[in-house]
Structures are given as C-alpha cells and as structure tokens.
Amino acid sequence: MFFKWLHSFVRSRTKPIPEDIALQWKKRLGIIYGLIAWNAFGFVVYSIYKGKADWAHYYGLKSDEEKATRSGIAWANTLGIKNAKVYRIAGLTKVDDYEIVEGEAIFSSSNSKETREQVE
C-alpha cells in the first residue's frame, strides 16, 4: 500500500527522461559503484594484511580475555544458553566438540588437551 502511494507520488511530481539518457546514467552509476566496491575490497584486504582483521580488538572494544574465548562459548554467553553441545566443523569434517554445562565449558580428554575452561 505504501509503495503504491510512493510510486504514484513520485510519478506525479517528476517528468520522464528519455531512455537513452537513462541508460547513459545507468552505465555511469554502474562504473562509480564498481570503483567504490573495488576500493572497499582493497581496504579490507589491506586491513587484514596490517593485522586489523579483528577490528574490535584492534580499536580496544574487545579485551584480550574476550579475544581468547572460543567463538562457541562467546555466542552461548551472548544468547544466554547455559547448556549446549558445540561442534567445530572445518570443511566437511568435524574438528572438535565440547559441552557447555551451566556456563562452564567441559572438554573431553580425547578431543582436547584442556580439561575444563571457565567461560566467564
């Protein structure tokens, strides 16, 4: 409903432009978009190369303790999940698995050298 009203509002207050001019501007905007996207990609690659891949830690928004915490445990804390089974998968193979029980990570001795790790 809103889009129909917006479409009629814009159409009633603007005049159509010739098709060849519209195509010309479409090409220009496409080139500008491509240049901006390429530069943004280059900036990301440069930031990773300079060691700023984890930008939150680099700029001090994440502590060293938070950086050292495994991502499964961090997400369980974020979502407020007290008990969970976490599987780490690389490609098509299972790399590791552990359980989170009452906010504490429990590693089985066959999967990891660590036996227990405090989440908080």
C-alpha atoms as a PDB file:
ATOM      1  CA  MET A   1       0.000   0.000   0.000  1.00  0.00           C
ATOM      2  CA  PHE A   2       2.760   2.433   0.984  1.00  0.00           C
ATOM      3  CA  PHE A   3       4.861   1.602  -2.074  1.00  0.00           C
ATOM      4  CA  LYS A   4       1.910   2.108  -4.401  1.00  0.00           C
ATOM      5  CA  TRP A   5       1.289   5.510  -2.835  1.00  0.00           C
ATOM      6  CA  LEU A   6       5.006   6.393  -3.011  1.00  0.00           C
ATOM      7  CA  HIS A   7       5.174   5.318  -6.660  1.00  0.00           C
ATOM      8  CA  SER A   8       2.187   7.465  -7.614  1.00  0.00           C
ATOM      9  CA  PHE A   9       3.532  10.388  -5.562  1.00  0.00           C
ATOM     10  CA  VAL A  10       6.922  10.317  -7.314  1.00  0.00           C
ATOM     11  CA  ARG A  11       5.412   9.776 -10.782  1.00  0.00           C
ATOM     12  CA  SER A  12       3.026  12.716 -10.385  1.00  0.00           C
ATOM     13  CA  ARG A  13       5.802  15.135  -9.343  1.00  0.00           C
ATOM     14  CA  THR A  14       8.531  14.145 -11.817  1.00  0.00           C
ATOM     15  CA  LYS A  15       8.724  14.068 -15.557  1.00  0.00           C
ATOM     16  CA  PRO A  16      10.033  11.065 -17.500  1.00  0.00           C
ATOM     17  CA  ILE A  17      13.519  11.271 -19.003  1.00  0.00           C
ATOM     18  CA  PRO A  18      14.469   9.894 -22.403  1.00  0.00           C
ATOM     19  CA  GLU A  19      15.542   6.256 -22.449  1.00  0.00           C
ATOM     20  CA  ASP A  20      18.993   6.906 -23.935  1.00  0.00           C
ATOM     21  CA  ILE A  21      19.845   9.377 -21.156  1.00  0.00           C
ATOM     22  CA  ALA A  22      18.588   6.905 -18.528  1.00  0.00           C
ATOM     23  CA  LEU A  23      20.851   4.169 -19.966  1.00  0.00           C
ATOM     24  CA  GLN A  24      23.802   6.574 -20.032  1.00  0.00           C
ATOM     25  CA  TRP A  25      23.326   7.415 -16.343  1.00  0.00           C
ATOM     26  CA  LYS A  26      22.812   3.760 -15.500  1.00  0.00           C
ATOM     27  CA  LYS A  27      26.226   2.981 -17.035  1.00  0.00           C
ATOM     28  CA  ARG A  28      27.872   5.892 -15.203  1.00  0.00           C
ATOM     29  CA  LEU A  29      26.406   4.862 -11.852  1.00  0.00           C
ATOM     30  CA  GLY A  30      27.456   1.254 -12.502  1.00  0.00           C
ATOM     31  CA  ILE A  31      31.061   2.327 -13.082  1.00  0.00           C
ATOM     32  CA  ILE A  32      31.023   4.500  -9.944  1.00  0.00           C
ATOM     33  CA  TYR A  33      29.585   1.600  -7.923  1.00  0.00           C
ATOM     34  CA  GLY A  34      32.260  -0.748  -9.291  1.00  0.00           C
ATOM     35  CA  LEU A  35      35.062   1.651  -8.340  1.00  0.00           C
ATOM     36  CA  ILE A  36      33.699   2.129  -4.822  1.00  0.00           C
ATOM     37  CA  ALA A  37      33.266  -1.644  -4.332  1.00  0.00           C
ATOM     38  CA  TRP A  38      36.795  -2.349  -5.628  1.00  0.00           C
ATOM     39  CA  ASN A  39      38.300   0.248  -3.283  1.00  0.00           C
ATOM     40  CA  ALA A  40      36.325  -1.124  -0.330  1.00  0.00           C
ATOM     41  CA  PHE A  41      37.601  -4.637  -1.113  1.00  0.00           C
ATOM     42  CA  GLY A  42      41.157  -3.295  -1.308  1.00  0.00           C
ATOM     43  CA  PHE A  43      40.735  -1.562   2.049  1.00  0.00           C
ATOM     44  CA  VAL A  44      39.561  -4.802   3.684  1.00  0.00           C
ATOM     45  CA  VAL A  45      42.500  -6.767   2.251  1.00  0.00           C
ATOM     46  CA  TYR A  46      44.925  -4.032   3.369  1.00  0.00           C
ATOM     47  CA  SER A  47      43.436  -4.023   6.888  1.00  0.00           C
ATOM     48  CA  ILE A  48      43.808  -7.796   7.163  1.00  0.00           C
ATOM     49  CA  TYR A  49      47.397  -7.550   5.908  1.00  0.00           C
ATOM     50  CA  LYS A  50      48.209  -4.910   8.539  1.00  0.00           C
ATOM     51  CA  GLY A  51      46.768  -7.048  11.358  1.00  0.00           C
ATOM     52  CA  LYS A  52      43.488  -5.226  11.815  1.00  0.00           C
ATOM     53  CA  ALA A  53      41.292  -8.223  10.872  1.00  0.00           C
ATOM     54  CA  ASP A  54      39.748  -8.291  14.342  1.00  0.00           C
ATOM     55  CA  TRP A  55      38.894  -4.597  14.317  1.00  0.00           C
ATOM     56  CA  ALA A  56      37.055  -4.697  17.657  1.00  0.00           C
ATOM     57  CA  HIS A  57      40.197  -5.916  19.436  1.00  0.00           C
ATOM     58  CA  TYR A  58      42.453  -3.568  17.465  1.00  0.00           C
ATOM     59  CA  TYR A  59      40.436  -0.499  18.493  1.00  0.00           C
ATOM     60  CA  GLY A  60      40.049  -1.625  22.116  1.00  0.00           C
ATOM     61  CA  LEU A  61      36.369  -2.589  22.039  1.00  0.00           C
ATOM     62  CA  LYS A  62      37.195  -6.214  22.909  1.00  0.00           C
ATOM     63  CA  SER A  63      39.507  -7.256  25.744  1.00  0.00           C
ATOM     64  CA  ASP A  64      42.285  -9.844  25.458  1.00  0.00           C
ATOM     65  CA  GLU A  65      40.168 -12.239  27.526  1.00  0.00           C
ATOM     66  CA  GLU A  66      37.219 -11.881  25.130  1.00  0.00           C
ATOM     67  CA  LYS A  67      39.509 -12.453  22.156  1.00  0.00           C
ATOM     68  CA  ALA A  68      40.901 -15.647  23.703  1.00  0.00           C
ATOM     69  CA  THR A  69      37.410 -17.036  24.363  1.00  0.00           C
ATOM     70  CA  ARG A  70      36.248 -19.611  21.827  1.00  0.00           C
ATOM     71  CA  SER A  71      33.520 -18.386  19.492  1.00  0.00           C
ATOM     72  CA  GLY A  72      31.049 -21.118  20.533  1.00  0.00           C
ATOM     73  CA  ILE A  73      31.354 -20.133  24.177  1.00  0.00           C
ATOM     74  CA  ALA A  74      31.076 -16.434  23.328  1.00  0.00           C
ATOM     75  CA  TRP A  75      27.886 -16.997  21.332  1.00  0.00           C
ATOM     76  CA  ALA A  76      26.410 -19.172  24.084  1.00  0.00           C
ATOM     77  CA  ASN A  77      27.034 -16.318  26.534  1.00  0.00           C
ATOM     78  CA  THR A  78      25.574 -13.768  24.131  1.00  0.00           C
ATOM     79  CA  LEU A  79      22.432 -15.833  23.598  1.00  0.00           C
ATOM     80  CA  GLY A  80      22.150 -16.742  27.295  1.00  0.00           C
ATOM     81  CA  ILE A  81      22.408 -20.501  26.692  1.00  0.00           C
ATOM     82  CA  LYS A  82      23.602 -22.321  29.829  1.00  0.00           C
ATOM     83  CA  ASN A  83      23.761 -25.899  28.457  1.00  0.00           C
ATOM     84  CA  ALA A  84      24.889 -26.680  24.920  1.00  0.00           C
ATOM     85  CA  LYS A  85      26.835 -29.131  22.793  1.00  0.00           C
ATOM     86  CA  VAL A  86      29.293 -27.343  20.487  1.00  0.00           C
ATOM     87  CA  TYR A  87      30.685 -28.865  17.289  1.00  0.00           C
ATOM     88  CA  ARG A  88      33.559 -27.263  15.346  1.00  0.00           C
ATOM     89  CA  ILE A  89      33.497 -28.111  11.658  1.00  0.00           C
ATOM     90  CA  ALA A  90      36.158 -27.325   9.048  1.00  0.00           C
ATOM     91  CA  GLY A  91      35.089 -28.072   5.505  1.00  0.00           C
ATOM     92  CA  LEU A  92      33.193 -31.352   5.668  1.00  0.00           C
ATOM     93  CA  THR A  93      34.938 -32.821   8.719  1.00  0.00           C
ATOM     94  CA  LYS A  94      34.292 -32.427  12.434  1.00  0.00           C
ATOM     95  CA  VAL A  95      37.355 -30.892  14.090  1.00  0.00           C
ATOM     96  CA  ASP A  96      36.318 -30.725  17.739  1.00  0.00           C
ATOM     97  CA  ASP A  97      33.325 -30.952  20.038  1.00  0.00           C
ATOM     98  CA  TYR A  98      32.723 -29.973  23.651  1.00  0.00           C
ATOM     99  CA  GLU A  99      29.862 -29.281  26.018  1.00  0.00           C
ATOM    100  CA  ILE A 100      28.846 -26.175  27.901  1.00  0.00           C
ATOM    101  CA  VAL A 101      27.212 -27.074  31.210  1.00  0.00           C
ATOM    102  CA  GLU A 102      25.932 -24.287  33.454  1.00  0.00           C
ATOM    103  CA  GLY A 103      28.126 -21.727  31.690  1.00  0.00           C
ATOM    104  CA  GLU A 104      31.293 -23.806  32.013  1.00  0.00           C
ATOM    105  CA  ALA A 105      32.989 -25.490  29.044  1.00  0.00           C
ATOM    106  CA  ILE A 106      33.803 -29.169  29.531  1.00  0.00           C
ATOM    107  CA  PHE A 107      36.278 -30.719  27.115  1.00  0.00           C
ATOM    108  CA  SER A 108      36.641 -34.468  26.791  1.00  0.00           C
ATOM    109  CA  SER A 109      40.232 -35.640  27.183  1.00  0.00           C
ATOM    110  CA  SER A 110      40.228 -37.364  23.778  1.00  0.00           C
ATOM    111  CA  ASN A 111      39.338 -34.165  21.887  1.00  0.00           C
ATOM    112  CA  SER A 112      41.499 -31.577  23.577  1.00  0.00           C
ATOM    113  CA  LYS A 113      44.437 -31.201  25.951  1.00  0.00           C
ATOM    114  CA  GLU A 114      42.366 -28.818  28.057  1.00  0.00           C
ATOM    115  CA  THR A 115      40.041 -30.447  30.552  1.00  0.00           C
ATOM    116  CA  ARG A 116      37.981 -27.511  31.792  1.00  0.00           C
ATOM    117  CA  GLU A 117      37.753 -23.859  30.928  1.00  0.00           C
ATOM    118  CA  GLN A 118      35.865 -21.167  32.799  1.00  0.00           C
ATOM    119  CA  VAL A 119      33.526 -19.269  30.446  1.00  0.00           C
ATOM    120  CA  GLU A 120      33.258 -16.029  32.354  1.00  0.00           C
END
